[in-house]
C-alpha atoms as a PDB file:
ATOM      1  CA  MET A   1       4.720 -11.227   9.903  1.00  0.00           C
ATOM      2  CA  ALA A   2       2.462 -13.158   7.537  1.00  0.00           C
ATOM      3  CA  TYR A   3       2.119 -12.569   3.812  1.00  0.00           C
ATOM      4  CA  ASP A   4      -0.729 -10.521   2.349  1.00  0.00           C
ATOM      5  CA  GLN A   5      -3.535 -12.946   1.443  1.00  0.00           C
ATOM      6  CA  GLU A   6      -5.234 -10.593  -1.034  1.00  0.00           C
ATOM      7  CA  LEU A   7      -1.961 -10.100  -2.893  1.00  0.00           C
ATOM      8  CA  ALA A   8      -1.382 -13.863  -2.929  1.00  0.00           C
ATOM      9  CA  ASP A   9      -4.805 -14.308  -4.540  1.00  0.00           C
ATOM     10  CA  ARG A  10      -3.953 -11.708  -7.199  1.00  0.00           C
ATOM     11  CA  ILE A  11      -0.705 -13.527  -7.972  1.00  0.00           C
ATOM     12  CA  ARG A  12      -2.525 -16.888  -8.156  1.00  0.00           C
ATOM     13  CA  GLU A  13      -4.963 -15.395 -10.658  1.00  0.00           C
ATOM     14  CA  ALA A  14      -2.119 -13.930 -12.738  1.00  0.00           C
ATOM     15  CA  LEU A  15      -0.384 -17.320 -12.808  1.00  0.00           C
ATOM     16  CA  SER A  16      -3.528 -19.364 -13.480  1.00  0.00           C
ATOM     17  CA  THR A  17      -2.539 -20.015 -17.103  1.00  0.00           C
ATOM     18  CA  GLN A  18       0.909 -21.331 -16.187  1.00  0.00           C
ATOM     19  CA  ARG A  19       1.328 -25.100 -16.123  1.00  0.00           C
ATOM     20  CA  GLN A  20       3.967 -25.500 -13.425  1.00  0.00           C
ATOM     21  CA  VAL A  21       3.238 -23.311 -10.400  1.00  0.00           C
ATOM     22  CA  ARG A  22       4.158 -24.201  -6.855  1.00  0.00           C
ATOM     23  CA  GLU A  23       3.650 -22.131  -3.707  1.00  0.00           C
ATOM     24  CA  VAL A  24       6.326 -22.149  -1.014  1.00  0.00           C
ATOM     25  CA  ARG A  25       6.160 -20.366   2.329  1.00  0.00           C
ATOM     26  CA  MET A  26       9.473 -18.771   3.219  1.00  0.00           C
ATOM     27  CA  PHE A  27      10.717 -15.925   5.383  1.00  0.00           C
ATOM     28  CA  GLY A  28       7.181 -14.795   6.231  1.00  0.00           C
ATOM     29  CA  ALA A  29       6.263 -14.547   2.550  1.00  0.00           C
ATOM     30  CA  LEU A  30       4.551 -16.801   0.051  1.00  0.00           C
ATOM     31  CA  ALA A  31       6.782 -17.468  -2.936  1.00  0.00           C
ATOM     32  CA  PHE A  32       5.404 -18.536  -6.292  1.00  0.00           C
ATOM     33  CA  MET A  33       7.656 -20.867  -8.217  1.00  0.00           C
ATOM     34  CA  VAL A  34       6.999 -21.120 -11.956  1.00  0.00           C
ATOM     35  CA  ASN A  35       8.790 -23.834 -13.914  1.00  0.00           C
ATOM     36  CA  GLY A  36      10.968 -24.460 -10.858  1.00  0.00           C
ATOM     37  CA  SER A  37      12.177 -20.859 -10.464  1.00  0.00           C
ATOM     38  CA  MET A  38      10.890 -18.154  -8.169  1.00  0.00           C
ATOM     39  CA  ALA A  39       8.870 -15.593 -10.114  1.00  0.00           C
ATOM     40  CA  ALA A  40       7.088 -13.536  -7.450  1.00  0.00           C
ATOM     41  CA  THR A  41       6.282 -13.384  -3.755  1.00  0.00           C
ATOM     42  CA  ALA A  42       3.468 -11.989  -1.700  1.00  0.00           C
ATOM     43  CA  ASN A  43       5.114 -10.265   1.252  1.00  0.00           C
ATOM     44  CA  ALA A  44       3.729  -8.591   4.337  1.00  0.00           C
ATOM     45  CA  ASP A  45       2.094  -5.180   4.057  1.00  0.00           C
ATOM     46  CA  GLY A  46       0.992  -5.856   0.474  1.00  0.00           C
ATOM     47  CA  ARG A  47       4.487  -5.740  -1.005  1.00  0.00           C
ATOM     48  CA  LEU A  48       5.109  -7.715  -4.192  1.00  0.00           C
ATOM     49  CA  MET A  49       8.579  -9.008  -4.924  1.00  0.00           C
ATOM     50  CA  VAL A  50       9.389 -10.019  -8.476  1.00  0.00           C
ATOM     51  CA  ARG A  51      12.358 -11.609 -10.142  1.00  0.00           C
ATOM     52  CA  CYS A  52      13.043  -9.699 -13.337  1.00  0.00           C
ATOM     53  CA  ASP A  53      15.705  -9.354 -15.975  1.00  0.00           C
ATOM     54  CA  PRO A  54      18.753  -7.774 -14.275  1.00  0.00           C
ATOM     55  CA  ASP A  55      19.432  -5.849 -17.484  1.00  0.00           C
ATOM     56  CA  ARG A  56      16.043  -4.121 -17.074  1.00  0.00           C
ATOM     57  CA  ALA A  57      16.275  -3.533 -13.315  1.00  0.00           C
ATOM     58  CA  GLU A  58      17.474   0.087 -13.423  1.00  0.00           C
ATOM     59  CA  LYS A  59      14.621   1.067 -15.752  1.00  0.00           C
ATOM     60  CA  LEU A  60      12.055  -0.862 -13.714  1.00  0.00           C
ATOM     61  CA  LEU A  61      13.122   0.926 -10.539  1.00  0.00           C
ATOM     62  CA  GLU A  62      11.707   4.116 -12.067  1.00  0.00           C
ATOM     63  CA  ARG A  63       8.191   2.708 -11.689  1.00  0.00           C
ATOM     64  CA  GLU A  64       5.928   3.831  -8.851  1.00  0.00           C
ATOM     65  CA  GLY A  65       6.692   2.066  -5.558  1.00  0.00           C
ATOM     66  CA  ALA A  66       9.650   0.026  -6.859  1.00  0.00           C
ATOM     67  CA  ASP A  67      12.830  -0.487  -4.858  1.00  0.00           C
ATOM     68  CA  TRP A  68      15.669  -2.977  -4.564  1.00  0.00           C
ATOM     69  CA  ALA A  69      14.657  -6.056  -2.612  1.00  0.00           C
ATOM     70  CA  GLU A  70      16.468  -6.690   0.670  1.00  0.00           C
ATOM     71  CA  MET A  71      16.929  -9.749   2.818  1.00  0.00           C
ATOM     72  CA  ARG A  72      17.846  -9.262   6.455  1.00  0.00           C
ATOM     73  CA  GLY A  73      18.698  -5.629   5.729  1.00  0.00           C
ATOM     74  CA  LYS A  74      21.077  -6.371   2.867  1.00  0.00           C
ATOM     75  CA  PRO A  75      20.297  -5.706  -0.811  1.00  0.00           C
ATOM     76  CA  MET A  76      19.556  -8.768  -2.897  1.00  0.00           C
ATOM     77  CA  GLY A  77      21.121  -9.189  -6.308  1.00  0.00           C
ATOM     78  CA  LYS A  78      20.111  -7.227  -9.368  1.00  0.00           C
ATOM     79  CA  GLY A  79      16.865  -8.537 -10.756  1.00  0.00           C
ATOM     80  CA  TRP A  80      15.032  -8.715  -7.435  1.00  0.00           C
ATOM     81  CA  ILE A  81      12.628  -5.817  -7.009  1.00  0.00           C
ATOM     82  CA  VAL A  82      10.047  -5.182  -4.324  1.00  0.00           C
ATOM     83  CA  VAL A  83       7.004  -3.063  -5.108  1.00  0.00           C
ATOM     84  CA  ALA A  84       5.058  -1.251  -2.397  1.00  0.00           C
ATOM     85  CA  ASP A  85       1.305  -1.741  -2.311  1.00  0.00           C
ATOM     86  CA  HIS A  86       0.651   1.698  -3.808  1.00  0.00           C
ATOM     87  CA  GLY A  87       2.742   0.683  -6.839  1.00  0.00           C
ATOM     88  CA  ILE A  88       0.426  -2.235  -7.671  1.00  0.00           C
ATOM     89  CA  GLU A  89      -2.970  -0.762  -6.790  1.00  0.00           C
ATOM     90  CA  SER A  90      -4.137  -0.678 -10.388  1.00  0.00           C
ATOM     91  CA  ASP A  91      -4.594  -3.876 -12.344  1.00  0.00           C
ATOM     92  CA  GLU A  92      -2.500  -2.346 -15.124  1.00  0.00           C
ATOM     93  CA  ALA A  93       0.489  -1.750 -12.824  1.00  0.00           C
ATOM     94  CA  PHE A  94       0.171  -5.179 -11.198  1.00  0.00           C
ATOM     95  CA  ASP A  95      -0.124  -6.907 -14.574  1.00  0.00           C
ATOM     96  CA  GLY A  96       2.956  -5.050 -15.802  1.00  0.00           C
ATOM     97  CA  TRP A  97       5.029  -6.417 -12.928  1.00  0.00           C
ATOM     98  CA  MET A  98       3.726  -9.946 -13.408  1.00  0.00           C
ATOM     99  CA  THR A  99       4.543  -9.724 -17.121  1.00  0.00           C
ATOM    100  CA  GLU A 100       8.123  -8.728 -16.250  1.00  0.00           C
ATOM    101  CA  ALA A 101       8.393 -11.671 -13.842  1.00  0.00           C
ATOM    102  CA  LEU A 102       6.978 -14.201 -16.302  1.00  0.00           C
ATOM    103  CA  ASP A 103       9.041 -12.921 -19.221  1.00  0.00           C
ATOM    104  CA  TYR A 104      12.222 -13.375 -17.212  1.00  0.00           C
ATOM    105  CA  ASN A 105      11.040 -16.714 -15.866  1.00  0.00           C
ATOM    106  CA  ARG A 106      10.619 -17.999 -19.425  1.00  0.00           C
ATOM    107  CA  LYS A 107      14.083 -16.719 -20.255  1.00  0.00           C
ATOM    108  CA  VAL A 108      15.817 -18.512 -17.361  1.00  0.00           C
ATOM    109  CA  SER A 109      13.742 -21.678 -17.419  1.00  0.00           C
ATOM    110  CA  GLY A 110      13.664 -22.089 -21.197  1.00  0.00           C
ATOM    111  CA  SER A 111       9.904 -22.667 -21.007  1.00  0.00           C
ATOM    112  CA  ASP A 112       7.261 -21.528 -23.468  1.00  0.00           C
ATOM    113  CA  ASP A 113       4.584 -21.239 -20.734  1.00  0.00           C
END
């Protein structure tokens, strides 16, 4: 199944101020690499996957539509969260997830972007 094009466009817009962004197609999704590390993906059915601080994961899972990310039916490591389309309908909710992803990306990449 292909990734959600509208979601990909929203992610592109959210990352437009970042200097080092690369898009990579993988596993039916479109991954967005920022400063060499995956920050977010546009998945099928409008699902957003973000890489966030593992120490914040439990709290973030309390947000609307959030769940542990899985790959081939197995849970991914802490810090990978998938958000259903209804959990990112509002710009405020979407922006909150992208902020989490970029904050953690800066932390792991050591970048000031």
